Structures are given as structure tokens and as C-alpha cells.
Amino acid sequence: MDCDLVLPLANTSCADPKIVYKIKSAECTANPERVENITCSIKAVNWNKSVGQLDFDLVVPLHNCSIQFEVFKKGYSNQYHPFLINATFNVCDIIAKRSFFSYGTLWFKLVREYTNANHTCPFEVN
């Protein structure tokens, strides 16, 4: 049993998740005046895990960037429909701890360990 993504309970060392989310695709769009060579992919590691990767080259420094996080559910007509969450949050405010928007802090806690964008804004061009 893998306990990396599950919070431990008081009496046990690991808990089984009751709900499992499977991410099948990701769509990344950006302003071409600010970002070039954007690629976004999800790669399956095994039956239970997948890895998401986002790569891009900055053209100009980013002083104020935001992320739109939206969840879709496959309906009976085999099409995806919006489901419960459609949130937009400012990444600079989340990283600098000026905003405590729940989806933003959840996103940053998940991404913080695996990214090299671990400082406050602006994100400079290399």
C-alpha cells in the first residue's frame, strides 16, 4: 500500500483512500506573447499512478499569473460536462501566502515538492 498521498490517521500508519480520481488528459493553453514551446502531458506509470508534466519557455517575466482549475465528469452521452469545481486563483498570491484560497493552497501543496518554481513572483526569463 502506498501512503505518500494519504494523510495518516491517529491510530494507523496509513489509510486507504475511499475515492480515487483518474486523470486521463490535461489541456494547457498560454498567451503566445509571453510563453513559447508549451507542452503538457500525462504519462501513466502503472495502473494506479500517473505523472503530469508541464514545460514552457518564458518570453517575458511573469509578474501576475493565474491558474484556472476545472473538473469535468463524463456523462451518459459519453461527453465531458463541468462538475462541481471551476476555480481561478493567482499563483503569485498563493506562493507568497497573501491568499489562502482552498483550491490554490491544495494545488501548491501538491506541486511544491516537484517544481522548480518555488519562489515568489516575478518569474524571470533565463
Protein backbone atom coordinates (compact mmCIF):
# COMPACT_ATOMS: atom_id res chain seq x y z
CA MET A 1 0.00 0.00 0.00
CA ASP A 2 1.35 3.41 -0.98
CA CYS A 3 0.96 6.02 1.77
CA ASP A 4 2.53 9.03 0.04
CA LEU A 5 -0.68 10.86 -0.88
CA VAL A 6 -2.86 9.77 2.04
CA LEU A 7 -2.94 11.57 5.37
CA PRO A 8 -2.24 9.21 8.30
CA LEU A 9 -4.94 8.67 10.90
CA ALA A 10 -4.31 8.88 14.64
CA ASN A 11 -4.13 5.12 15.32
CA THR A 12 -2.88 3.81 11.96
CA SER A 13 0.18 4.45 9.85
CA CYS A 14 -1.74 4.72 6.59
CA ALA A 15 -5.35 4.99 5.39
CA ASP A 16 -6.94 3.62 2.23
CA PRO A 17 -8.48 6.28 0.01
CA LYS A 18 -12.21 5.74 -0.49
CA ILE A 19 -12.36 7.88 -3.65
CA VAL A 20 -9.86 7.53 -6.47
CA TYR A 21 -9.55 10.13 -9.23
CA LYS A 22 -8.14 9.12 -12.57
CA ILE A 23 -6.76 11.88 -14.75
CA LYS A 24 -6.89 10.96 -18.43
CA SER A 25 -5.93 14.20 -20.13
CA ALA A 26 -4.74 17.73 -19.50
CA GLU A 27 -5.09 20.78 -21.68
CA CYS A 28 -2.60 23.62 -21.34
CA THR A 29 -3.02 26.95 -23.09
CA ALA A 30 -0.99 30.12 -22.74
CA ASN A 31 -0.61 33.57 -24.19
CA PRO A 32 1.86 33.24 -27.11
CA GLU A 33 3.21 36.74 -26.41
CA ARG A 34 4.50 35.55 -23.01
CA VAL A 35 5.14 31.80 -23.37
CA GLU A 36 6.67 29.67 -26.13
CA ASN A 37 7.08 25.92 -26.67
CA ILE A 38 4.39 24.86 -24.22
CA THR A 39 3.89 21.13 -23.78
CA CYS A 40 1.59 19.43 -21.33
CA SER A 41 1.33 15.68 -20.90
CA ILE A 42 0.13 12.96 -18.57
CA LYS A 43 2.02 9.69 -18.56
CA ALA A 44 0.77 6.51 -16.90
CA VAL A 45 3.34 4.97 -14.54
CA ASN A 46 1.23 1.95 -13.56
CA TRP A 47 -2.45 1.12 -13.04
CA ASN A 48 -2.76 3.44 -10.05
CA LYS A 49 -0.35 6.29 -10.76
CA SER A 50 0.26 8.83 -13.46
CA VAL A 51 2.69 11.71 -13.83
CA GLY A 52 1.79 15.14 -15.20
CA GLN A 53 4.40 17.33 -16.82
CA LEU A 54 4.29 20.95 -17.99
CA ASP A 55 7.20 22.55 -19.84
CA PHE A 56 7.41 26.01 -21.38
CA ASP A 57 9.84 28.79 -22.20
CA LEU A 58 9.18 32.30 -20.88
CA VAL A 59 9.48 35.18 -23.34
CA VAL A 60 8.89 37.99 -20.80
CA PRO A 61 8.94 37.91 -16.98
CA LEU A 62 5.65 36.85 -15.38
CA HIS A 63 4.53 39.29 -12.69
CA ASN A 64 0.96 38.12 -12.26
CA CYS A 65 -0.03 34.61 -13.32
CA SER A 66 -3.19 32.71 -12.57
CA ILE A 67 -4.41 29.13 -12.98
CA GLN A 68 -7.91 28.02 -13.88
CA PHE A 69 -8.71 24.66 -12.32
CA GLU A 70 -11.79 22.89 -13.66
CA VAL A 71 -13.11 19.36 -13.20
CA PHE A 72 -15.16 17.53 -15.82
CA LYS A 73 -17.30 14.41 -15.48
CA LYS A 74 -18.11 12.01 -18.31
CA GLY A 75 -21.90 11.91 -18.76
CA TYR A 76 -24.26 9.31 -20.14
CA SER A 77 -23.83 10.72 -23.65
CA ASN A 78 -20.09 9.94 -23.44
CA GLN A 79 -19.24 13.65 -23.38
CA TYR A 80 -17.47 15.63 -20.67
CA HIS A 81 -19.51 18.11 -18.65
CA PRO A 82 -18.35 20.58 -15.95
CA PHE A 83 -18.55 19.06 -12.48
CA LEU A 84 -18.52 20.97 -9.16
CA ILE A 85 -15.24 22.88 -9.47
CA ASN A 86 -14.36 25.81 -11.71
CA ALA A 87 -11.88 27.98 -9.84
CA THR A 88 -9.31 30.55 -10.90
CA PHE A 89 -6.57 31.61 -8.49
CA ASN A 90 -3.49 33.83 -8.56
CA VAL A 91 -0.31 31.75 -8.27
CA CYS A 92 1.80 34.67 -7.02
CA ASP A 93 -0.55 35.29 -4.09
CA ILE A 94 -0.64 31.61 -3.16
CA ILE A 95 3.16 31.23 -3.21
CA ALA A 96 3.70 34.47 -1.25
CA LYS A 97 0.98 33.36 1.24
CA ARG A 98 -1.09 36.51 0.67
CA SER A 99 -4.10 34.39 -0.31
CA PHE A 100 -5.41 31.24 1.33
CA PHE A 101 -7.88 30.16 -1.36
CA SER A 102 -8.53 26.48 -0.66
CA TYR A 103 -8.01 25.12 -4.19
CA GLY A 104 -4.90 27.24 -4.60
CA THR A 105 -3.27 26.08 -1.39
CA LEU A 106 -4.20 22.47 -2.20
CA TRP A 107 -2.60 22.86 -5.64
CA PHE A 108 0.56 24.41 -4.20
CA LYS A 109 0.96 21.71 -1.54
CA LEU A 110 0.79 19.07 -4.26
CA VAL A 111 3.15 20.87 -6.67
CA ARG A 112 5.67 22.42 -4.25
CA GLU A 113 7.86 19.34 -3.90
CA TYR A 114 8.11 18.64 -7.63
CA THR A 115 8.61 22.08 -9.18
CA ASN A 116 11.49 24.48 -9.55
CA ALA A 117 9.12 27.49 -9.39
CA ASN A 118 9.44 27.75 -5.62
CA HIS A 119 9.95 31.48 -5.22
CA THR A 120 7.61 34.45 -5.31
CA CYS A 121 6.87 36.47 -8.41
CA PRO A 122 8.17 37.68 -10.81
CA PHE A 123 9.33 34.60 -12.66
CA GLU A 124 12.27 35.76 -14.76
CA VAL A 125 13.38 34.76 -18.26
CA ASN A 126 16.52 32.59 -18.38
